[in-house]
Amino acid sequence: MRNLSRFKGSRRFDISFFIFAASHILFRLINRFVFSSKMRVRFFRLLGAKIGKGVTIRPSVKVHNFRNLAIGDNCWIGEEVWFINHEKVKIGSNVCISQRSIICSGGHDYRSASLEYAHKPIEIKDGAWVCLDAKVLPGVTIGECSVVSAGEIVRKSVPDYSMLIAGEIRPIDPPK
């Protein structure tokens, strides 16, 4: 039987909570009214994200914890991508994360009666492509130049030069 009264989640309201809340309010305003990707990138960096050169961040991207986000060079992050990054999310260079995808490094232990946290980091390696509306779950690594097809849920790691399609991992040739 679940007993969520024993959940030991973060309930404290210290200065870091207020900084987090203020940055998210400011982030929503900038996300809505700033039309330049370069300005979004600067703002992400200001809030603690590590972002390389030549990165495009489209409007309406949501980030839970900027300090847990690292993006390499020449990446493209599509509209409405959501980083639920309680743990580190590391994105290599030349990666495309398409619209409405969710990259979630946070979770709960279903075996725990109080649903304690079970967060795990995520890595998306160089040249990978996470297609439209895909979901990447905690602890997953997406291999170099691999593709996650539209609408897929990535529950386990995808090897280098592979494609996850219809729940099945298939090898692919390297891009030309």
N, C-alpha and C. Protein backbone atom coordinates (compact mmCIF):
# COMPACT_ATOMS: atom_id res chain seq x y z
N MET A 1 0.84 -1.18 0.00
CA MET A 1 0.00 0.00 0.00
C MET A 1 0.89 1.24 0.00
N ARG A 2 0.56 2.21 -0.80
CA ARG A 2 1.31 3.46 -0.85
C ARG A 2 0.98 4.31 0.37
N ASN A 3 2.02 4.97 0.88
CA ASN A 3 1.84 5.90 1.98
C ASN A 3 2.70 7.12 1.67
N LEU A 4 2.15 8.08 0.96
CA LEU A 4 2.90 9.24 0.53
C LEU A 4 3.17 10.24 1.64
N SER A 5 2.60 10.02 2.80
CA SER A 5 2.91 10.91 3.93
C SER A 5 4.35 10.72 4.38
N ARG A 6 4.98 9.60 4.01
CA ARG A 6 6.38 9.34 4.37
C ARG A 6 7.35 9.79 3.29
N PHE A 7 6.87 10.38 2.20
CA PHE A 7 7.74 10.83 1.11
C PHE A 7 8.69 11.90 1.62
N LYS A 8 9.98 11.72 1.34
CA LYS A 8 11.00 12.63 1.87
C LYS A 8 11.47 13.61 0.80
N GLY A 9 10.57 14.09 0.00
CA GLY A 9 10.92 15.07 -1.04
C GLY A 9 11.36 16.38 -0.44
N SER A 10 11.82 17.25 -1.29
CA SER A 10 12.32 18.55 -0.87
C SER A 10 11.15 19.41 -0.39
N ARG A 11 11.16 19.74 0.89
CA ARG A 11 10.11 20.59 1.43
C ARG A 11 10.66 21.88 2.02
N ARG A 12 11.95 22.08 1.93
CA ARG A 12 12.53 23.26 2.56
C ARG A 12 12.44 24.46 1.63
N PHE A 13 12.33 25.61 2.23
CA PHE A 13 12.24 26.86 1.48
C PHE A 13 13.43 27.73 1.87
N ASP A 14 14.60 27.39 1.34
CA ASP A 14 15.77 28.21 1.60
C ASP A 14 16.00 29.16 0.42
N ILE A 15 17.11 29.87 0.44
CA ILE A 15 17.39 30.88 -0.58
C ILE A 15 17.48 30.25 -1.98
N SER A 16 17.98 29.01 -2.08
CA SER A 16 18.10 28.37 -3.40
C SER A 16 16.72 28.15 -4.02
N PHE A 17 15.70 27.88 -3.19
CA PHE A 17 14.35 27.74 -3.71
C PHE A 17 13.87 29.05 -4.32
N PHE A 18 14.13 30.17 -3.66
CA PHE A 18 13.68 31.46 -4.16
C PHE A 18 14.43 31.85 -5.43
N ILE A 19 15.73 31.53 -5.50
CA ILE A 19 16.50 31.77 -6.73
C ILE A 19 15.93 30.93 -7.86
N PHE A 20 15.62 29.67 -7.57
CA PHE A 20 15.03 28.76 -8.56
C PHE A 20 13.70 29.32 -9.05
N ALA A 21 12.84 29.74 -8.14
CA ALA A 21 11.51 30.26 -8.51
C ALA A 21 11.63 31.54 -9.32
N ALA A 22 12.49 32.45 -8.90
CA ALA A 22 12.66 33.71 -9.63
C ALA A 22 13.22 33.47 -11.02
N SER A 23 14.17 32.56 -11.14
CA SER A 23 14.75 32.29 -12.46
C SER A 23 13.71 31.69 -13.40
N HIS A 24 12.81 30.87 -12.86
CA HIS A 24 11.78 30.28 -13.72
C HIS A 24 10.73 31.29 -14.15
N ILE A 25 10.40 32.22 -13.29
CA ILE A 25 9.47 33.29 -13.69
C ILE A 25 10.10 34.13 -14.78
N LEU A 26 11.35 34.53 -14.57
CA LEU A 26 12.08 35.30 -15.58
C LEU A 26 12.24 34.49 -16.86
N PHE A 27 12.54 33.20 -16.72
CA PHE A 27 12.70 32.33 -17.88
C PHE A 27 11.42 32.28 -18.72
N ARG A 28 10.28 32.15 -18.07
CA ARG A 28 9.01 32.11 -18.82
C ARG A 28 8.76 33.41 -19.58
N LEU A 29 9.08 34.52 -18.97
CA LEU A 29 8.91 35.80 -19.65
C LEU A 29 9.84 35.90 -20.86
N ILE A 30 11.09 35.52 -20.66
CA ILE A 30 12.05 35.58 -21.78
C ILE A 30 11.64 34.59 -22.86
N ASN A 31 11.24 33.41 -22.47
CA ASN A 31 10.84 32.39 -23.45
C ASN A 31 9.67 32.86 -24.30
N ARG A 32 8.80 33.64 -23.71
CA ARG A 32 7.62 34.11 -24.43
C ARG A 32 7.91 35.32 -25.30
N PHE A 33 8.77 36.23 -24.83
CA PHE A 33 8.93 37.51 -25.51
C PHE A 33 10.26 37.71 -26.23
N VAL A 34 11.23 36.84 -26.00
CA VAL A 34 12.51 36.97 -26.70
C VAL A 34 12.47 36.10 -27.94
N PHE A 35 12.72 36.72 -29.08
CA PHE A 35 12.56 36.02 -30.35
C PHE A 35 13.88 35.50 -30.91
N SER A 36 14.99 35.82 -30.27
CA SER A 36 16.29 35.43 -30.77
C SER A 36 16.82 34.20 -30.05
N SER A 37 17.23 33.20 -30.82
CA SER A 37 17.84 32.01 -30.23
C SER A 37 19.12 32.36 -29.47
N LYS A 38 19.89 33.32 -30.01
CA LYS A 38 21.14 33.72 -29.35
C LYS A 38 20.85 34.27 -27.95
N MET A 39 19.77 35.02 -27.81
CA MET A 39 19.41 35.56 -26.50
C MET A 39 18.99 34.43 -25.55
N ARG A 40 18.27 33.44 -26.07
CA ARG A 40 17.88 32.30 -25.24
C ARG A 40 19.12 31.56 -24.75
N VAL A 41 20.07 31.34 -25.66
CA VAL A 41 21.31 30.66 -25.29
C VAL A 41 22.04 31.44 -24.20
N ARG A 42 22.15 32.74 -24.33
CA ARG A 42 22.79 33.57 -23.31
C ARG A 42 22.07 33.45 -21.97
N PHE A 43 20.76 33.46 -22.02
CA PHE A 43 19.98 33.36 -20.80
C PHE A 43 20.17 32.00 -20.13
N PHE A 44 20.17 30.91 -20.93
CA PHE A 44 20.42 29.57 -20.38
C PHE A 44 21.78 29.53 -19.68
N ARG A 45 22.80 30.12 -20.33
CA ARG A 45 24.14 30.16 -19.74
C ARG A 45 24.13 30.96 -18.44
N LEU A 46 23.44 32.09 -18.44
CA LEU A 46 23.35 32.93 -17.25
C LEU A 46 22.76 32.15 -16.07
N LEU A 47 21.83 31.26 -16.34
CA LEU A 47 21.19 30.47 -15.29
C LEU A 47 21.95 29.19 -14.95
N GLY A 48 23.10 28.98 -15.59
CA GLY A 48 23.96 27.87 -15.19
C GLY A 48 24.12 26.74 -16.17
N ALA A 49 23.44 26.76 -17.31
CA ALA A 49 23.60 25.69 -18.30
C ALA A 49 24.95 25.86 -19.01
N LYS A 50 25.55 24.74 -19.39
CA LYS A 50 26.78 24.77 -20.18
C LYS A 50 26.38 24.52 -21.63
N ILE A 51 26.57 25.53 -22.48
CA ILE A 51 26.11 25.44 -23.86
C ILE A 51 27.25 25.84 -24.79
N GLY A 52 27.49 25.00 -25.81
CA GLY A 52 28.56 25.24 -26.76
C GLY A 52 28.20 26.29 -27.79
N LYS A 53 29.04 26.36 -28.84
CA LYS A 53 28.87 27.34 -29.92
C LYS A 53 27.87 26.84 -30.95
N GLY A 54 27.20 27.77 -31.61
CA GLY A 54 26.33 27.44 -32.73
C GLY A 54 25.06 26.69 -32.35
N VAL A 55 24.61 26.82 -31.12
CA VAL A 55 23.41 26.12 -30.65
C VAL A 55 22.18 26.96 -30.95
N THR A 56 21.13 26.30 -31.46
CA THR A 56 19.84 26.95 -31.68
C THR A 56 18.85 26.40 -30.67
N ILE A 57 18.23 27.30 -29.93
CA ILE A 57 17.18 26.93 -28.98
C ILE A 57 15.91 27.64 -29.41
N ARG A 58 14.95 26.87 -29.86
CA ARG A 58 13.69 27.42 -30.34
C ARG A 58 12.80 27.85 -29.18
N PRO A 59 11.73 28.59 -29.44
CA PRO A 59 10.85 29.08 -28.36
C PRO A 59 10.16 27.94 -27.59
N SER A 60 9.76 28.26 -26.39
CA SER A 60 8.95 27.40 -25.52
C SER A 60 9.67 26.16 -25.03
N VAL A 61 11.01 26.19 -24.99
CA VAL A 61 11.77 25.10 -24.38
C VAL A 61 11.68 25.28 -22.87
N LYS A 62 11.44 24.18 -22.14
CA LYS A 62 11.36 24.24 -20.68
C LYS A 62 12.52 23.47 -20.08
N VAL A 63 13.11 24.03 -19.03
CA VAL A 63 14.23 23.40 -18.33
C VAL A 63 13.95 23.41 -16.85
N HIS A 64 14.01 22.26 -16.22
CA HIS A 64 13.77 22.18 -14.78
C HIS A 64 14.96 22.73 -13.99
N ASN A 65 16.17 22.28 -14.33
CA ASN A 65 17.35 22.70 -13.59
C ASN A 65 18.47 23.04 -14.58
N PHE A 66 18.71 24.32 -14.78
CA PHE A 66 19.69 24.76 -15.77
C PHE A 66 21.09 24.25 -15.46
N ARG A 67 21.43 24.15 -14.17
CA ARG A 67 22.78 23.69 -13.79
C ARG A 67 23.02 22.24 -14.15
N ASN A 68 21.99 21.48 -14.40
CA ASN A 68 22.15 20.07 -14.77
C ASN A 68 22.05 19.85 -16.28
N LEU A 69 22.22 20.91 -17.07
CA LEU A 69 22.11 20.80 -18.52
C LEU A 69 23.42 21.20 -19.19
N ALA A 70 23.96 20.29 -20.03
CA ALA A 70 25.16 20.57 -20.81
C ALA A 70 24.86 20.21 -22.27
N ILE A 71 25.06 21.17 -23.17
CA ILE A 71 24.78 20.99 -24.60
C ILE A 71 26.05 21.32 -25.36
N GLY A 72 26.48 20.42 -26.26
CA GLY A 72 27.68 20.63 -27.06
C GLY A 72 27.47 21.65 -28.16
N ASP A 73 28.38 21.67 -29.13
CA ASP A 73 28.34 22.63 -30.23
C ASP A 73 27.35 22.22 -31.32
N ASN A 74 26.82 23.23 -32.01
CA ASN A 74 26.00 23.05 -33.22
C ASN A 74 24.80 22.13 -33.02
N CYS A 75 24.11 22.30 -31.91
CA CYS A 75 22.90 21.50 -31.63
C CYS A 75 21.65 22.31 -31.95
N TRP A 76 20.55 21.60 -32.14
CA TRP A 76 19.26 22.22 -32.43
C TRP A 76 18.26 21.65 -31.45
N ILE A 77 17.64 22.52 -30.65
CA ILE A 77 16.63 22.13 -29.66
C ILE A 77 15.30 22.74 -30.12
N GLY A 78 14.34 21.89 -30.46
CA GLY A 78 13.08 22.32 -31.06
C GLY A 78 12.08 22.90 -30.08
N GLU A 79 11.00 23.44 -30.65
CA GLU A 79 9.93 24.05 -29.86
C GLU A 79 9.34 23.04 -28.88
N GLU A 80 9.04 23.54 -27.69
CA GLU A 80 8.35 22.79 -26.64
C GLU A 80 9.10 21.57 -26.14
N VAL A 81 10.42 21.51 -26.36
CA VAL A 81 11.21 20.45 -25.74
C VAL A 81 11.23 20.72 -24.24
N TRP A 82 11.15 19.66 -23.44
CA TRP A 82 11.10 19.79 -21.99
C TRP A 82 12.21 18.96 -21.38
N PHE A 83 13.11 19.62 -20.65
CA PHE A 83 14.17 18.94 -19.91
C PHE A 83 13.74 18.86 -18.45
N ILE A 84 13.33 17.67 -18.03
CA ILE A 84 13.02 17.43 -16.62
C ILE A 84 14.29 16.80 -16.05
N ASN A 85 15.25 17.66 -15.73
CA ASN A 85 16.59 17.18 -15.45
C ASN A 85 16.98 17.34 -13.98
N HIS A 86 16.44 16.44 -13.16
CA HIS A 86 16.83 16.39 -11.76
C HIS A 86 18.27 15.93 -11.63
N GLU A 87 18.73 15.11 -12.56
CA GLU A 87 20.14 14.70 -12.67
C GLU A 87 20.70 15.30 -13.94
N LYS A 88 22.00 15.13 -14.16
CA LYS A 88 22.67 15.71 -15.32
C LYS A 88 22.09 15.16 -16.63
N VAL A 89 21.90 16.06 -17.58
CA VAL A 89 21.58 15.71 -18.96
C VAL A 89 22.72 16.27 -19.80
N LYS A 90 23.47 15.36 -20.43
CA LYS A 90 24.61 15.76 -21.25
C LYS A 90 24.30 15.46 -22.70
N ILE A 91 24.35 16.51 -23.52
CA ILE A 91 24.06 16.39 -24.95
C ILE A 91 25.34 16.71 -25.71
N GLY A 92 25.74 15.80 -26.59
CA GLY A 92 26.96 15.99 -27.36
C GLY A 92 26.79 17.08 -28.41
N SER A 93 27.71 17.11 -29.36
CA SER A 93 27.67 18.09 -30.44
C SER A 93 26.89 17.55 -31.63
N ASN A 94 26.35 18.47 -32.43
CA ASN A 94 25.61 18.13 -33.66
C ASN A 94 24.42 17.21 -33.39
N VAL A 95 23.72 17.49 -32.31
CA VAL A 95 22.54 16.72 -31.90
C VAL A 95 21.29 17.53 -32.23
N CYS A 96 20.26 16.83 -32.69
CA CYS A 96 18.96 17.45 -32.93
C CYS A 96 17.94 16.83 -31.99
N ILE A 97 17.29 17.67 -31.20
CA ILE A 97 16.17 17.20 -30.36
C ILE A 97 14.94 17.93 -30.89
N SER A 98 14.08 17.16 -31.53
CA SER A 98 12.93 17.75 -32.23
C SER A 98 11.80 18.14 -31.29
N GLN A 99 10.84 18.83 -31.87
CA GLN A 99 9.72 19.44 -31.15
C GLN A 99 9.01 18.46 -30.22
N ARG A 100 8.58 19.01 -29.09
CA ARG A 100 7.76 18.34 -28.08
C ARG A 100 8.39 17.10 -27.47
N SER A 101 9.69 16.91 -27.63
CA SER A 101 10.35 15.79 -26.98
C SER A 101 10.54 16.09 -25.50
N ILE A 102 10.60 15.03 -24.69
CA ILE A 102 10.82 15.17 -23.26
C ILE A 102 12.06 14.36 -22.90
N ILE A 103 13.00 15.02 -22.23
CA ILE A 103 14.22 14.38 -21.76
C ILE A 103 14.13 14.41 -20.24
N CYS A 104 13.86 13.25 -19.62
CA CYS A 104 13.51 13.20 -18.20
C CYS A 104 14.49 12.33 -17.42
N SER A 105 15.33 12.97 -16.60
CA SER A 105 16.27 12.22 -15.78
C SER A 105 15.73 12.00 -14.35
N GLY A 106 14.50 12.37 -14.12
CA GLY A 106 13.91 12.23 -12.79
C GLY A 106 12.86 11.14 -12.76
N GLY A 107 12.75 10.50 -11.62
CA GLY A 107 11.73 9.47 -11.46
C GLY A 107 11.56 9.09 -10.01
N HIS A 108 10.77 8.08 -9.80
CA HIS A 108 10.49 7.58 -8.45
C HIS A 108 10.67 6.07 -8.43
N ASP A 109 11.02 5.54 -7.27
CA ASP A 109 11.16 4.10 -7.08
C ASP A 109 9.78 3.51 -6.81
N TYR A 110 9.26 2.79 -7.79
CA TYR A 110 7.91 2.22 -7.65
C TYR A 110 7.83 1.18 -6.53
N ARG A 111 8.99 0.63 -6.12
CA ARG A 111 9.00 -0.37 -5.05
C ARG A 111 8.89 0.26 -3.67
N SER A 112 9.13 1.57 -3.58
CA SER A 112 9.08 2.27 -2.32
C SER A 112 7.64 2.66 -2.00
N ALA A 113 7.21 2.36 -0.80
CA ALA A 113 5.84 2.71 -0.40
C ALA A 113 5.61 4.21 -0.44
N SER A 114 6.69 4.97 -0.23
CA SER A 114 6.54 6.43 -0.23
C SER A 114 7.05 7.06 -1.53
N LEU A 115 7.30 6.25 -2.55
CA LEU A 115 7.74 6.72 -3.88
C LEU A 115 8.98 7.61 -3.81
N GLU A 116 10.01 7.13 -3.11
CA GLU A 116 11.26 7.90 -3.02
C GLU A 116 11.83 8.15 -4.41
N TYR A 117 12.66 9.18 -4.50
CA TYR A 117 13.26 9.54 -5.78
C TYR A 117 14.17 8.43 -6.32
N ALA A 118 14.22 8.31 -7.63
CA ALA A 118 15.12 7.38 -8.32
C ALA A 118 15.62 8.07 -9.58
N HIS A 119 16.39 9.13 -9.41
CA HIS A 119 16.90 9.91 -10.55
C HIS A 119 18.15 9.27 -11.12
N LYS A 120 18.33 9.38 -12.45
CA LYS A 120 19.53 8.87 -13.12
C LYS A 120 19.87 9.81 -14.27
N PRO A 121 21.18 10.04 -14.51
CA PRO A 121 21.59 10.95 -15.59
C PRO A 121 21.28 10.38 -16.98
N ILE A 122 21.27 11.27 -17.96
CA ILE A 122 21.02 10.92 -19.37
C ILE A 122 22.17 11.47 -20.20
N GLU A 123 22.59 10.69 -21.20
CA GLU A 123 23.58 11.18 -22.16
C GLU A 123 23.08 10.94 -23.57
N ILE A 124 23.16 11.98 -24.38
CA ILE A 124 22.82 11.88 -25.81
C ILE A 124 24.10 12.24 -26.55
N LYS A 125 24.67 11.26 -27.22
CA LYS A 125 26.01 11.42 -27.82
C LYS A 125 25.98 12.17 -29.15
N ASP A 126 27.18 12.53 -29.62
CA ASP A 126 27.36 13.32 -30.84
C ASP A 126 26.57 12.76 -32.02
N GLY A 127 25.93 13.66 -32.76
CA GLY A 127 25.27 13.31 -34.01
C GLY A 127 23.93 12.61 -33.86
N ALA A 128 23.43 12.45 -32.64
CA ALA A 128 22.15 11.75 -32.44
C ALA A 128 20.98 12.65 -32.83
N TRP A 129 19.85 12.01 -33.12
CA TRP A 129 18.63 12.73 -33.46
C TRP A 129 17.48 12.13 -32.68
N VAL A 130 16.87 12.93 -31.83
CA VAL A 130 15.67 12.54 -31.09
C VAL A 130 14.51 13.20 -31.82
N CYS A 131 13.71 12.39 -32.50
CA CYS A 131 12.66 12.91 -33.37
C CYS A 131 11.45 13.41 -32.58
N LEU A 132 10.53 14.01 -33.31
CA LEU A 132 9.32 14.63 -32.79
C LEU A 132 8.63 13.79 -31.71
N ASP A 133 8.35 14.43 -30.58
CA ASP A 133 7.49 13.87 -29.54
C ASP A 133 8.04 12.60 -28.90
N ALA A 134 9.36 12.40 -28.93
CA ALA A 134 9.97 11.24 -28.28
C ALA A 134 10.18 11.53 -26.80
N LYS A 135 10.24 10.48 -26.00
CA LYS A 135 10.48 10.61 -24.57
C LYS A 135 11.71 9.78 -24.21
N VAL A 136 12.68 10.41 -23.55
CA VAL A 136 13.90 9.74 -23.12
C VAL A 136 13.85 9.66 -21.60
N LEU A 137 13.91 8.43 -21.05
CA LEU A 137 13.71 8.21 -19.62
C LEU A 137 15.04 8.12 -18.86
N PRO A 138 15.00 8.19 -17.52
CA PRO A 138 16.21 8.22 -16.70
C PRO A 138 17.17 7.06 -16.98
N GLY A 139 18.48 7.39 -16.94
CA GLY A 139 19.53 6.38 -17.06
C GLY A 139 19.87 5.96 -18.47
N VAL A 140 19.25 6.58 -19.47
CA VAL A 140 19.43 6.18 -20.87
C VAL A 140 20.63 6.90 -21.48
N THR A 141 21.35 6.18 -22.35
CA THR A 141 22.35 6.77 -23.22
C THR A 141 21.91 6.52 -24.65
N ILE A 142 21.89 7.58 -25.45
CA ILE A 142 21.59 7.44 -26.87
C ILE A 142 22.92 7.56 -27.60
N GLY A 143 23.26 6.51 -28.34
CA GLY A 143 24.58 6.39 -28.95
C GLY A 143 24.86 7.39 -30.06
N GLU A 144 26.12 7.44 -30.43
CA GLU A 144 26.59 8.33 -31.48
C GLU A 144 25.85 8.08 -32.79
N CYS A 145 25.37 9.15 -33.39
CA CYS A 145 24.66 9.14 -34.68
C CYS A 145 23.44 8.23 -34.69
N SER A 146 22.87 7.97 -33.53
CA SER A 146 21.67 7.14 -33.46
C SER A 146 20.42 7.99 -33.62
N VAL A 147 19.30 7.33 -33.94
CA VAL A 147 18.04 8.02 -34.18
C VAL A 147 16.96 7.40 -33.30
N VAL A 148 16.21 8.25 -32.62
CA VAL A 148 15.02 7.82 -31.89
C VAL A 148 13.84 8.30 -32.71
N SER A 149 13.07 7.39 -33.26
CA SER A 149 11.96 7.75 -34.15
C SER A 149 10.87 8.52 -33.42
N ALA A 150 10.05 9.20 -34.19
CA ALA A 150 8.98 10.04 -33.65
C ALA A 150 8.05 9.24 -32.74
N GLY A 151 7.75 9.81 -31.60
CA GLY A 151 6.79 9.21 -30.68
C GLY A 151 7.32 8.07 -29.83
N GLU A 152 8.57 7.69 -29.98
CA GLU A 152 9.13 6.57 -29.21
C GLU A 152 9.34 6.94 -27.75
N ILE A 153 9.31 5.93 -26.90
CA ILE A 153 9.68 6.07 -25.49
C ILE A 153 10.96 5.26 -25.31
N VAL A 154 12.04 5.95 -24.94
CA VAL A 154 13.34 5.30 -24.81
C VAL A 154 13.52 4.86 -23.36
N ARG A 155 13.36 3.55 -23.13
CA ARG A 155 13.45 2.98 -21.79
C ARG A 155 14.82 2.39 -21.49
N LYS A 156 15.56 2.03 -22.54
CA LYS A 156 16.90 1.48 -22.35
C LYS A 156 17.82 2.10 -23.40
N SER A 157 19.10 2.03 -23.16
CA SER A 157 20.08 2.71 -24.01
C SER A 157 20.04 2.21 -25.45
N VAL A 158 20.33 3.14 -26.36
CA VAL A 158 20.37 2.86 -27.79
C VAL A 158 21.85 2.88 -28.21
N PRO A 159 22.38 1.79 -28.79
CA PRO A 159 23.80 1.77 -29.16
C PRO A 159 24.14 2.76 -30.26
N ASP A 160 25.44 3.00 -30.46
CA ASP A 160 25.91 3.85 -31.55
C ASP A 160 25.37 3.32 -32.88
N TYR A 161 25.09 4.23 -33.80
CA TYR A 161 24.65 3.92 -35.17
C TYR A 161 23.47 2.93 -35.17
N SER A 162 22.44 3.29 -34.40
CA SER A 162 21.23 2.47 -34.31
C SER A 162 20.01 3.37 -34.43
N MET A 163 18.87 2.75 -34.69
CA MET A 163 17.60 3.46 -34.73
C MET A 163 16.60 2.71 -33.86
N LEU A 164 15.91 3.46 -33.01
CA LEU A 164 14.81 2.90 -32.24
C LEU A 164 13.54 3.22 -33.01
N ILE A 165 12.89 2.18 -33.52
CA ILE A 165 11.66 2.37 -34.29
C ILE A 165 10.71 1.24 -33.95
N ALA A 166 9.47 1.59 -33.65
CA ALA A 166 8.44 0.62 -33.25
C ALA A 166 8.91 -0.24 -32.07
N GLY A 167 9.64 0.39 -31.14
CA GLY A 167 10.11 -0.30 -29.94
C GLY A 167 11.27 -1.25 -30.18
N GLU A 168 11.82 -1.25 -31.37
CA GLU A 168 12.88 -2.19 -31.75
C GLU A 168 14.13 -1.41 -32.14
N ILE A 169 15.29 -1.90 -31.72
CA ILE A 169 16.56 -1.26 -32.08
C ILE A 169 17.12 -1.94 -33.32
N ARG A 170 17.40 -1.12 -34.34
CA ARG A 170 17.94 -1.63 -35.61
C ARG A 170 19.24 -0.90 -35.92
N PRO A 171 20.23 -1.60 -36.45
CA PRO A 171 21.47 -0.91 -36.85
C PRO A 171 21.23 -0.05 -38.09
N ILE A 172 21.97 1.05 -38.17
CA ILE A 172 21.89 1.92 -39.35
C ILE A 172 23.31 2.25 -39.82
N ASP A 173 23.43 2.67 -41.06
CA ASP A 173 24.71 3.10 -41.60
C ASP A 173 25.04 4.49 -41.07
N PRO A 174 26.33 4.80 -40.93
CA PRO A 174 26.70 6.15 -40.51
C PRO A 174 26.23 7.19 -41.53
N PRO A 175 25.90 8.40 -41.07
CA PRO A 175 25.50 9.47 -42.00
C PRO A 175 26.64 9.81 -42.97
N LYS A 176 26.28 10.25 -44.16
CA LYS A 176 27.31 10.59 -45.16
C LYS A 176 27.59 12.05 -45.18
